[in-house]
PDB file of N, CA and C in Angstrom:
ATOM      1  N   UNK A   1      -6.915  18.366 -31.155  1.00  0.00           N
ATOM      2  CA  UNK A   1      -7.776  17.363 -31.687  1.00  0.00           C
ATOM      3  C   UNK A   1      -7.012  15.987 -31.607  1.00  0.00           C
ATOM      4  N   UNK A   2      -5.752  15.961 -31.299  1.00  0.00           N
ATOM      5  CA  UNK A   2      -4.727  14.883 -31.284  1.00  0.00           C
ATOM      6  C   UNK A   2      -4.816  14.209 -29.745  1.00  0.00           C
ATOM      7  N   UNK A   3      -5.007  15.330 -28.745  1.00  0.00           N
ATOM      8  CA  UNK A   3      -4.981  14.708 -27.320  1.00  0.00           C
ATOM      9  C   UNK A   3      -6.731  14.172 -27.116  1.00  0.00           C
ATOM     10  N   UNK A   4      -7.502  14.069 -27.788  1.00  0.00           N
ATOM     11  CA  UNK A   4      -8.818  13.786 -27.649  1.00  0.00           C
ATOM     12  C   UNK A   4      -8.717  12.192 -27.424  1.00  0.00           C
ATOM     13  N   UNK A   5      -7.704  11.663 -28.058  1.00  0.00           N
ATOM     14  CA  UNK A   5      -7.666  10.124 -28.068  1.00  0.00           C
ATOM     15  C   UNK A   5      -6.946   9.557 -26.524  1.00  0.00           C
ATOM     16  N   UNK A   6      -6.558  10.643 -25.733  1.00  0.00           N
ATOM     17  CA  UNK A   6      -6.090  10.442 -24.509  1.00  0.00           C
ATOM     18  C   UNK A   6      -7.222  10.214 -23.453  1.00  0.00           C
ATOM     19  N   UNK A   7      -8.492  10.832 -23.694  1.00  0.00           N
ATOM     20  CA  UNK A   7      -9.416  10.775 -22.998  1.00  0.00           C
ATOM     21  C   UNK A   7      -9.935   9.682 -22.567  1.00  0.00           C
ATOM     22  N   UNK A   8     -10.230   8.676 -23.144  1.00  0.00           N
ATOM     23  CA  UNK A   8     -10.579   7.282 -22.847  1.00  0.00           C
ATOM     24  C   UNK A   8      -9.468   6.587 -22.136  1.00  0.00           C
ATOM     25  N   UNK A   9      -8.019   6.665 -22.405  1.00  0.00           N
ATOM     26  CA  UNK A   9      -7.234   6.302 -21.783  1.00  0.00           C
ATOM     27  C   UNK A   9      -7.188   6.591 -20.097  1.00  0.00           C
ATOM     28  N   UNK A  10      -7.222   8.067 -20.072  1.00  0.00           N
ATOM     29  CA  UNK A  10      -7.252   8.434 -18.490  1.00  0.00           C
ATOM     30  C   UNK A  10      -8.505   7.953 -17.977  1.00  0.00           C
ATOM     31  N   UNK A  11      -9.649   7.858 -18.336  1.00  0.00           N
ATOM     32  CA  UNK A  11     -10.893   7.390 -17.727  1.00  0.00           C
ATOM     33  C   UNK A  11     -10.919   5.916 -17.365  1.00  0.00           C
ATOM     34  N   UNK A  12     -10.319   5.073 -18.491  1.00  0.00           N
ATOM     35  CA  UNK A  12      -9.807   3.793 -17.911  1.00  0.00           C
ATOM     36  C   UNK A  12      -9.006   3.646 -16.637  1.00  0.00           C
ATOM     37  N   UNK A  13      -8.051   4.399 -16.689  1.00  0.00           N
ATOM     38  CA  UNK A  13      -6.940   4.533 -15.625  1.00  0.00           C
ATOM     39  C   UNK A  13      -7.709   4.679 -14.126  1.00  0.00           C
ATOM     40  N   UNK A  14      -8.859   5.399 -14.252  1.00  0.00           N
ATOM     41  CA  UNK A  14      -9.538   5.543 -13.037  1.00  0.00           C
ATOM     42  C   UNK A  14     -10.649   4.558 -12.426  1.00  0.00           C
ATOM     43  N   UNK A  15     -10.911   3.838 -13.467  1.00  0.00           N
ATOM     44  CA  UNK A  15     -11.799   2.616 -13.114  1.00  0.00           C
ATOM     45  C   UNK A  15     -11.448   1.666 -12.122  1.00  0.00           C
ATOM     46  N   UNK A  16     -12.590   0.750 -11.669  1.00  0.00           N
ATOM     47  CA  UNK A  16     -12.145  -0.271 -10.524  1.00  0.00           C
ATOM     48  C   UNK A  16     -11.195  -1.097 -11.072  1.00  0.00           C
ATOM     49  N   UNK A  17     -10.527  -1.632 -10.376  1.00  0.00           N
ATOM     50  CA  UNK A  17      -9.491  -2.870 -10.451  1.00  0.00           C
ATOM     51  C   UNK A  17      -9.959  -4.178  -9.986  1.00  0.00           C
ATOM     52  N   UNK A  18      -9.594  -5.327 -10.432  1.00  0.00           N
ATOM     53  CA  UNK A  18     -10.041  -6.280  -9.939  1.00  0.00           C
ATOM     54  C   UNK A  18      -9.969  -6.630  -8.399  1.00  0.00           C
ATOM     55  N   UNK A  19     -10.814  -7.451  -7.819  1.00  0.00           N
ATOM     56  CA  UNK A  19     -10.781  -7.410  -6.261  1.00  0.00           C
ATOM     57  C   UNK A  19      -9.596  -8.009  -5.792  1.00  0.00           C
ATOM     58  N   UNK A  20      -9.122  -8.946  -6.312  1.00  0.00           N
ATOM     59  CA  UNK A  20      -7.999  -9.566  -5.773  1.00  0.00           C
ATOM     60  C   UNK A  20      -6.682  -8.690  -5.880  1.00  0.00           C
ATOM     61  N   UNK A  21      -6.472  -8.131  -7.099  1.00  0.00           N
ATOM     62  CA  UNK A  21      -5.429  -7.122  -7.034  1.00  0.00           C
ATOM     63  C   UNK A  21      -5.580  -5.882  -5.916  1.00  0.00           C
ATOM     64  N   UNK A  22      -6.749  -5.581  -5.795  1.00  0.00           N
ATOM     65  CA  UNK A  22      -7.110  -4.578  -4.616  1.00  0.00           C
ATOM     66  C   UNK A  22      -6.691  -5.096  -3.152  1.00  0.00           C
ATOM     67  N   UNK A  23      -7.035  -6.453  -2.975  1.00  0.00           N
ATOM     68  CA  UNK A  23      -6.938  -6.932  -1.823  1.00  0.00           C
ATOM     69  C   UNK A  23      -5.305  -6.889  -1.471  1.00  0.00           C
ATOM     70  N   UNK A  24      -4.402  -7.456  -2.509  1.00  0.00           N
ATOM     71  CA  UNK A  24      -2.890  -7.412  -2.060  1.00  0.00           C
ATOM     72  C   UNK A  24      -2.579  -5.909  -1.775  1.00  0.00           C
ATOM     73  N   UNK A  25      -2.960  -5.215  -2.753  1.00  0.00           N
ATOM     74  CA  UNK A  25      -2.281  -3.485  -2.458  1.00  0.00           C
ATOM     75  C   UNK A  25      -3.006  -3.050  -1.080  1.00  0.00           C
ATOM     76  N   UNK A  26      -4.147  -3.470  -0.796  1.00  0.00           N
ATOM     77  CA  UNK A  26      -4.862  -3.038   0.484  1.00  0.00           C
ATOM     78  C   UNK A  26      -4.162  -3.464   1.686  1.00  0.00           C
ATOM     79  N   UNK A  27      -3.675  -4.913   1.471  1.00  0.00           N
ATOM     80  CA  UNK A  27      -2.949  -5.541   2.432  1.00  0.00           C
ATOM     81  C   UNK A  27      -1.820  -4.873   2.951  1.00  0.00           C
ATOM     82  N   UNK A  28      -1.038  -4.173   1.897  1.00  0.00           N
ATOM     83  CA  UNK A  28       0.121  -3.533   2.387  1.00  0.00           C
ATOM     84  C   UNK A  28      -0.203  -2.213   3.237  1.00  0.00           C
ATOM     85  N   UNK A  29      -1.254  -1.520   2.765  1.00  0.00           N
ATOM     86  CA  UNK A  29      -1.766  -0.696   3.523  1.00  0.00           C
ATOM     87  C   UNK A  29      -2.066  -0.671   4.755  1.00  0.00           C
ATOM     88  N   UNK A  30      -2.619  -1.890   4.935  1.00  0.00           N
ATOM     89  CA  UNK A  30      -3.085  -2.320   6.262  1.00  0.00           C
ATOM     90  C   UNK A  30      -2.164  -2.654   7.182  1.00  0.00           C
ATOM     91  N   UNK A  31      -1.046  -3.317   6.878  1.00  0.00           N
ATOM     92  CA  UNK A  31       0.305  -3.528   7.411  1.00  0.00           C
ATOM     93  C   UNK A  31       0.810  -2.012   7.999  1.00  0.00           C
ATOM     94  N   UNK A  32       0.704  -1.204   7.214  1.00  0.00           N
ATOM     95  CA  UNK A  32       1.217   0.304   7.653  1.00  0.00           C
ATOM     96  C   UNK A  32       0.561   0.811   8.756  1.00  0.00           C
ATOM     97  N   UNK A  33      -0.808   0.361   8.618  1.00  0.00           N
ATOM     98  CA  UNK A  33      -1.859   1.043   9.764  1.00  0.00           C
ATOM     99  C   UNK A  33      -1.513   0.329  10.945  1.00  0.00           C
ATOM    100  N   UNK A  34      -1.143  -0.968  10.918  1.00  0.00           N
ATOM    101  CA  UNK A  34      -0.805  -1.661  12.264  1.00  0.00           C
ATOM    102  C   UNK A  34       0.388  -1.130  13.136  1.00  0.00           C
ATOM    103  N   UNK A  35       1.240  -0.789  12.186  1.00  0.00           N
ATOM    104  CA  UNK A  35       2.722  -0.308  12.779  1.00  0.00           C
ATOM    105  C   UNK A  35       3.655  -0.011  11.768  1.00  0.00           C
ATOM    106  N   UNK A  36       4.568   1.150  12.045  1.00  0.00           N
ATOM    107  CA  UNK A  36       5.461   1.879  10.977  1.00  0.00           C
ATOM    108  C   UNK A  36       6.447   0.682  10.489  1.00  0.00           C
ATOM    109  N   UNK A  37       6.871   0.964   9.317  1.00  0.00           N
ATOM    110  CA  UNK A  37       8.009   0.253   8.609  1.00  0.00           C
ATOM    111  C   UNK A  37       9.185   0.932   8.505  1.00  0.00           C
ATOM    112  N   UNK A  38      10.274   0.493   8.571  1.00  0.00           N
ATOM    113  CA  UNK A  38      11.496   1.050   8.343  1.00  0.00           C
ATOM    114  C   UNK A  38      12.538   0.156   7.579  1.00  0.00           C
ATOM    115  N   UNK A  39      13.738   0.810   7.406  1.00  0.00           N
ATOM    116  CA  UNK A  39      14.889   0.008   7.096  1.00  0.00           C
ATOM    117  C   UNK A  39      16.339   0.891   7.454  1.00  0.00           C
ATOM    118  N   UNK A  40      17.162   0.256   7.465  1.00  0.00           N
ATOM    119  CA  UNK A  40      18.656   0.850   7.735  1.00  0.00           C
ATOM    120  C   UNK A  40      19.611   0.287   6.816  1.00  0.00           C
ATOM    121  N   UNK A  41      20.301   1.096   6.083  1.00  0.00           N
ATOM    122  CA  UNK A  41      21.468   0.579   5.209  1.00  0.00           C
ATOM    123  C   UNK A  41      22.704   0.895   5.699  1.00  0.00           C
ATOM    124  N   UNK A  42      23.638   0.194   5.733  1.00  0.00           N
ATOM    125  CA  UNK A  42      24.900   0.450   6.253  1.00  0.00           C
ATOM    126  C   UNK A  42      25.983  -0.185   4.893  1.00  0.00           C
ATOM    127  N   UNK A  43      26.934   0.714   4.766  1.00  0.00           N
ATOM    128  CA  UNK A  43      27.878   0.285   3.757  1.00  0.00           C
ATOM    129  C   UNK A  43      29.296   0.843   3.886  1.00  0.00           C
ATOM    130  N   UNK A  44      30.394   0.120   3.353  1.00  0.00           N
ATOM    131  CA  UNK A  44      31.632   0.813   3.216  1.00  0.00           C
ATOM    132  C   UNK A  44      32.114   0.869   1.887  1.00  0.00           C
ATOM    133  N   UNK A  45      32.712   1.828   1.496  1.00  0.00           N
ATOM    134  CA  UNK A  45      33.137   2.000  -0.083  1.00  0.00           C
ATOM    135  C   UNK A  45      34.337   1.677  -0.157  1.00  0.00           C
ATOM    136  N   UNK A  46      34.941   1.804  -1.343  1.00  0.00           N
ATOM    137  CA  UNK A  46      36.232   1.149  -1.691  1.00  0.00           C
ATOM    138  C   UNK A  46      37.257   1.955  -0.939  1.00  0.00           C
ATOM    139  N   UNK A  47      37.067   3.073  -0.326  1.00  0.00           N
ATOM    140  CA  UNK A  47      38.091   4.111   0.106  1.00  0.00           C
ATOM    141  C   UNK A  47      37.996   3.988   1.632  1.00  0.00           C
ATOM    142  N   UNK A  48      37.321   2.904   1.999  1.00  0.00           N
ATOM    143  CA  UNK A  48      36.822   2.822   3.440  1.00  0.00           C
ATOM    144  C   UNK A  48      36.164   3.588   4.087  1.00  0.00           C
ATOM    145  N   UNK A  49      35.214   4.546   3.136  1.00  0.00           N
ATOM    146  CA  UNK A  49      34.405   5.599   3.625  1.00  0.00           C
ATOM    147  C   UNK A  49      33.127   4.657   4.068  1.00  0.00           C
ATOM    148  N   UNK A  50      32.507   4.951   5.050  1.00  0.00           N
ATOM    149  CA  UNK A  50      31.446   4.374   5.772  1.00  0.00           C
ATOM    150  C   UNK A  50      30.042   5.061   5.265  1.00  0.00           C
ATOM    151  N   UNK A  51      28.955   4.334   4.913  1.00  0.00           N
ATOM    152  CA  UNK A  51      27.722   5.311   4.302  1.00  0.00           C
ATOM    153  C   UNK A  51      26.551   4.729   5.261  1.00  0.00           C
ATOM    154  N   UNK A  52      25.769   5.387   5.819  1.00  0.00           N
ATOM    155  CA  UNK A  52      24.647   5.053   6.695  1.00  0.00           C
ATOM    156  C   UNK A  52      23.410   5.553   5.957  1.00  0.00           C
ATOM    157  N   UNK A  53      22.412   5.011   5.895  1.00  0.00           N
ATOM    158  CA  UNK A  53      21.168   5.564   5.483  1.00  0.00           C
ATOM    159  C   UNK A  53      19.957   5.197   6.016  1.00  0.00           C
ATOM    160  N   UNK A  54      18.805   5.278   5.960  1.00  0.00           N
ATOM    161  CA  UNK A  54      17.509   4.761   6.551  1.00  0.00           C
ATOM    162  C   UNK A  54      16.181   5.477   5.914  1.00  0.00           C
ATOM    163  N   UNK A  55      15.164   4.749   6.264  1.00  0.00           N
ATOM    164  CA  UNK A  55      13.974   5.273   5.787  1.00  0.00           C
ATOM    165  C   UNK A  55      12.939   4.761   6.826  1.00  0.00           C
ATOM    166  N   UNK A  56      11.911   5.506   7.209  1.00  0.00           N
ATOM    167  CA  UNK A  56      10.764   5.194   8.004  1.00  0.00           C
ATOM    168  C   UNK A  56       9.554   5.664   7.229  1.00  0.00           C
ATOM    169  N   UNK A  57       8.456   4.754   7.445  1.00  0.00           N
ATOM    170  CA  UNK A  57       7.135   5.074   6.784  1.00  0.00           C
ATOM    171  C   UNK A  57       6.037   4.674   7.936  1.00  0.00           C
ATOM    172  N   UNK A  58       5.590   5.994   8.340  1.00  0.00           N
ATOM    173  CA  UNK A  58       4.529   6.142   9.105  1.00  0.00           C
ATOM    174  C   UNK A  58       3.312   6.682   8.407  1.00  0.00           C
ATOM    175  N   UNK A  59       2.033   5.884   8.353  1.00  0.00           N
ATOM    176  CA  UNK A  59       1.001   6.488   7.676  1.00  0.00           C
ATOM    177  C   UNK A  59       0.063   7.277   8.719  1.00  0.00           C
ATOM    178  N   UNK A  60      -0.618   8.105   7.958  1.00  0.00           N
ATOM    179  CA  UNK A  60      -1.768   8.775   8.974  1.00  0.00           C
ATOM    180  C   UNK A  60      -2.798   7.732   9.631  1.00  0.00           C
ATOM    181  N   UNK A  61      -2.922   6.317   8.694  1.00  0.00           N
ATOM    182  CA  UNK A  61      -3.973   5.670   9.628  1.00  0.00           C
ATOM    183  C   UNK A  61      -3.180   5.062  10.786  1.00  0.00           C
ATOM    184  N   UNK A  62      -2.123   4.970  10.956  1.00  0.00           N
ATOM    185  CA  UNK A  62      -1.252   4.721  12.029  1.00  0.00           C
ATOM    186  C   UNK A  62      -1.352   5.592  13.090  1.00  0.00           C
ATOM    187  N   UNK A  63      -1.139   6.870  12.837  1.00  0.00           N
ATOM    188  CA  UNK A  63      -1.048   7.855  13.726  1.00  0.00           C
ATOM    189  C   UNK A  63      -2.520   8.231  14.190  1.00  0.00           C
ATOM    190  N   UNK A  64      -3.639   7.867  13.193  1.00  0.00           N
ATOM    191  CA  UNK A  64      -5.075   8.229  13.948  1.00  0.00           C
ATOM    192  C   UNK A  64      -5.656   6.923  14.621  1.00  0.00           C
ATOM    193  N   UNK A  65      -4.710   5.770  14.814  1.00  0.00           N
ATOM    194  CA  UNK A  65      -5.018   4.437  15.458  1.00  0.00           C
ATOM    195  C   UNK A  65      -6.121   3.781  14.844  1.00  0.00           C
ATOM    196  N   UNK A  66      -6.276   3.730  13.588  1.00  0.00           N
ATOM    197  CA  UNK A  66      -7.170   3.289  12.735  1.00  0.00           C
ATOM    198  C   UNK A  66      -7.287   1.756  12.727  1.00  0.00           C
ATOM    199  N   UNK A  67      -8.136   0.920  12.819  1.00  0.00           N
ATOM    200  CA  UNK A  67      -8.202  -0.399  12.829  1.00  0.00           C
ATOM    201  C   UNK A  67      -7.547  -1.107  11.644  1.00  0.00           C
ATOM    202  N   UNK A  68      -6.695  -2.007  11.275  1.00  0.00           N
ATOM    203  CA  UNK A  68      -6.043  -2.160   9.980  1.00  0.00           C
ATOM    204  C   UNK A  68      -7.173  -3.136   9.277  1.00  0.00           C
ATOM    205  N   UNK A  69      -8.081  -3.619   9.986  1.00  0.00           N
ATOM    206  CA  UNK A  69      -9.051  -4.602   9.262  1.00  0.00           C
ATOM    207  C   UNK A  69     -10.044  -3.630   8.570  1.00  0.00           C
ATOM    208  N   UNK A  70     -10.310  -2.440   9.248  1.00  0.00           N
ATOM    209  CA  UNK A  70     -11.144  -1.475   8.876  1.00  0.00           C
ATOM    210  C   UNK A  70     -10.627  -0.745   7.532  1.00  0.00           C
ATOM    211  N   UNK A  71      -9.401  -0.360   7.802  1.00  0.00           N
ATOM    212  CA  UNK A  71      -8.451   0.402   6.551  1.00  0.00           C
ATOM    213  C   UNK A  71      -8.721  -0.717   5.283  1.00  0.00           C
ATOM    214  N   UNK A  72      -8.105  -1.994   5.683  1.00  0.00           N
ATOM    215  CA  UNK A  72      -8.280  -2.860   4.574  1.00  0.00           C
ATOM    216  C   UNK A  72      -9.520  -3.017   3.894  1.00  0.00           C
ATOM    217  N   UNK A  73     -10.711  -3.205   4.693  1.00  0.00           N
ATOM    218  CA  UNK A  73     -12.164  -3.236   3.845  1.00  0.00           C
ATOM    219  C   UNK A  73     -12.386  -2.024   3.187  1.00  0.00           C
ATOM    220  N   UNK A  74     -12.252  -0.906   3.822  1.00  0.00           N
ATOM    221  CA  UNK A  74     -12.463   0.353   2.784  1.00  0.00           C
ATOM    222  C   UNK A  74     -11.537   0.653   1.823  1.00  0.00           C
ATOM    223  N   UNK A  75     -10.533   0.271   1.933  1.00  0.00           N
ATOM    224  CA  UNK A  75      -9.597   0.403   0.796  1.00  0.00           C
ATOM    225  C   UNK A  75      -9.874  -0.489  -0.513  1.00  0.00           C
ATOM    226  N   UNK A  76     -10.026  -1.756  -0.261  1.00  0.00           N
ATOM    227  CA  UNK A  76     -10.594  -2.809  -1.235  1.00  0.00           C
ATOM    228  C   UNK A  76     -11.981  -2.243  -1.589  1.00  0.00           C
ATOM    229  N   UNK A  77     -13.093  -1.777  -1.154  1.00  0.00           N
ATOM    230  CA  UNK A  77     -14.182  -1.514  -1.467  1.00  0.00           C
ATOM    231  C   UNK A  77     -14.086  -0.084  -2.392  1.00  0.00           C
ATOM    232  N   UNK A  78     -12.960   1.010  -1.997  1.00  0.00           N
ATOM    233  CA  UNK A  78     -12.713   2.016  -3.092  1.00  0.00           C
ATOM    234  C   UNK A  78     -12.109   1.677  -4.178  1.00  0.00           C
ATOM    235  N   UNK A  79     -11.210   0.733  -4.271  1.00  0.00           N
ATOM    236  CA  UNK A  79     -10.199   0.360  -5.333  1.00  0.00           C
ATOM    237  C   UNK A  79     -10.987  -0.433  -6.271  1.00  0.00           C
ATOM    238  N   UNK A  80     -11.962  -1.390  -5.843  1.00  0.00           N
ATOM    239  CA  UNK A  80     -12.584  -2.438  -6.670  1.00  0.00           C
ATOM    240  C   UNK A  80     -14.017  -2.220  -6.855  1.00  0.00           C
ATOM    241  N   UNK A  81     -14.594  -1.387  -5.925  1.00  0.00           N
ATOM    242  CA  UNK A  81     -16.224  -1.345  -6.161  1.00  0.00           C
ATOM    243  C   UNK A  81     -16.936  -2.662  -5.707  1.00  0.00           C
ATOM    244  N   UNK A  82     -16.160  -3.388  -4.714  1.00  0.00           N
ATOM    245  CA  UNK A  82     -16.623  -4.516  -4.209  1.00  0.00           C
ATOM    246  C   UNK A  82     -16.086  -4.887  -2.855  1.00  0.00           C
ATOM    247  N   UNK A  83     -16.807  -5.561  -1.931  1.00  0.00           N
ATOM    248  CA  UNK A  83     -16.112  -5.764  -0.559  1.00  0.00           C
ATOM    249  C   UNK A  83     -14.968  -6.911  -0.884  1.00  0.00           C
ATOM    250  N   UNK A  84     -14.009  -6.984   0.072  1.00  0.00           N
ATOM    251  CA  UNK A  84     -13.001  -8.136   0.052  1.00  0.00           C
ATOM    252  C   UNK A  84     -13.798  -9.546   0.010  1.00  0.00           C
ATOM    253  N   UNK A  85     -13.084 -10.201  -0.688  1.00  0.00           N
ATOM    254  CA  UNK A  85     -13.589 -11.814  -0.776  1.00  0.00           C
ATOM    255  C   UNK A  85     -12.880 -12.790   0.530  1.00  0.00           C
ATOM    256  N   UNK A  86     -12.032 -12.033   1.240  1.00  0.00           N
ATOM    257  CA  UNK A  86     -11.618 -12.667   2.365  1.00  0.00           C
ATOM    258  C   UNK A  86     -11.114 -11.545   3.380  1.00  0.00           C
ATOM    259  N   UNK A  87     -11.243 -11.815   4.673  1.00  0.00           N
ATOM    260  CA  UNK A  87     -10.969 -10.788   5.719  1.00  0.00           C
ATOM    261  C   UNK A  87      -9.299 -10.749   5.773  1.00  0.00           C
ATOM    262  N   UNK A  88      -8.859  -9.424   6.379  1.00  0.00           N
ATOM    263  CA  UNK A  88      -7.417  -9.259   6.372  1.00  0.00           C
ATOM    264  C   UNK A  88      -6.687 -10.556   7.075  1.00  0.00           C
ATOM    265  N   UNK A  89      -7.474 -10.753   8.288  1.00  0.00           N
ATOM    266  CA  UNK A  89      -6.852 -11.581   9.071  1.00  0.00           C
ATOM    267  C   UNK A  89      -6.505 -13.184   8.597  1.00  0.00           C
ATOM    268  N   UNK A  90      -6.877 -13.365   7.545  1.00  0.00           N
ATOM    269  CA  UNK A  90      -6.882 -14.577   6.742  1.00  0.00           C
ATOM    270  C   UNK A  90      -5.697 -14.671   5.915  1.00  0.00           C
ATOM    271  N   UNK A  91      -5.138 -13.718   5.738  1.00  0.00           N
ATOM    272  CA  UNK A  91      -3.684 -13.855   4.947  1.00  0.00           C
ATOM    273  C   UNK A  91      -2.770 -14.371   5.754  1.00  0.00           C
ATOM    274  N   UNK A  92      -1.878 -15.601   5.194  1.00  0.00           N
ATOM    275  CA  UNK A  92      -1.004 -16.120   6.070  1.00  0.00           C
ATOM    276  C   UNK A  92       0.152 -15.231   6.625  1.00  0.00           C
ATOM    277  N   UNK A  93       0.462 -14.204   5.622  1.00  0.00           N
ATOM    278  CA  UNK A  93       1.379 -13.293   6.099  1.00  0.00           C
ATOM    279  C   UNK A  93       1.166 -12.146   7.263  1.00  0.00           C
ATOM    280  N   UNK A  94      -0.314 -12.075   7.607  1.00  0.00           N
ATOM    281  CA  UNK A  94      -0.589 -11.074   8.688  1.00  0.00           C
ATOM    282  C   UNK A  94       0.084 -11.279   9.990  1.00  0.00           C
ATOM    283  N   UNK A  95       0.839 -10.355  10.316  1.00  0.00           N
ATOM    284  CA  UNK A  95       1.187 -10.588  11.881  1.00  0.00           C
ATOM    285  C   UNK A  95       0.946  -9.412  12.644  1.00  0.00           C
ATOM    286  N   UNK A  96       0.210  -8.773  12.109  1.00  0.00           N
ATOM    287  CA  UNK A  96      -0.422  -7.491  12.781  1.00  0.00           C
ATOM    288  C   UNK A  96       0.301  -7.016  13.954  1.00  0.00           C
TER     289      UNK A  96
END
């Protein structure tokens, strides 16, 4: 009986999000569709020991050669239930 109050909370979490928020989230996905991203970490510990690490993110959108603009449009539609209010290439930070 106590678990029944969770049902509305779970259903709300699955609902659409505001289009502006969806656009920002989908912008990041479109950037990853354009090219992989990565980082390298280097460091030296107190005992002089070197530490090296790294990470590379490659998405299936990139591997499949999907158009970043199409990825963005579909993503916004799926997350918000509305089309984007502005195209991907209108973002000042877009460098595709």
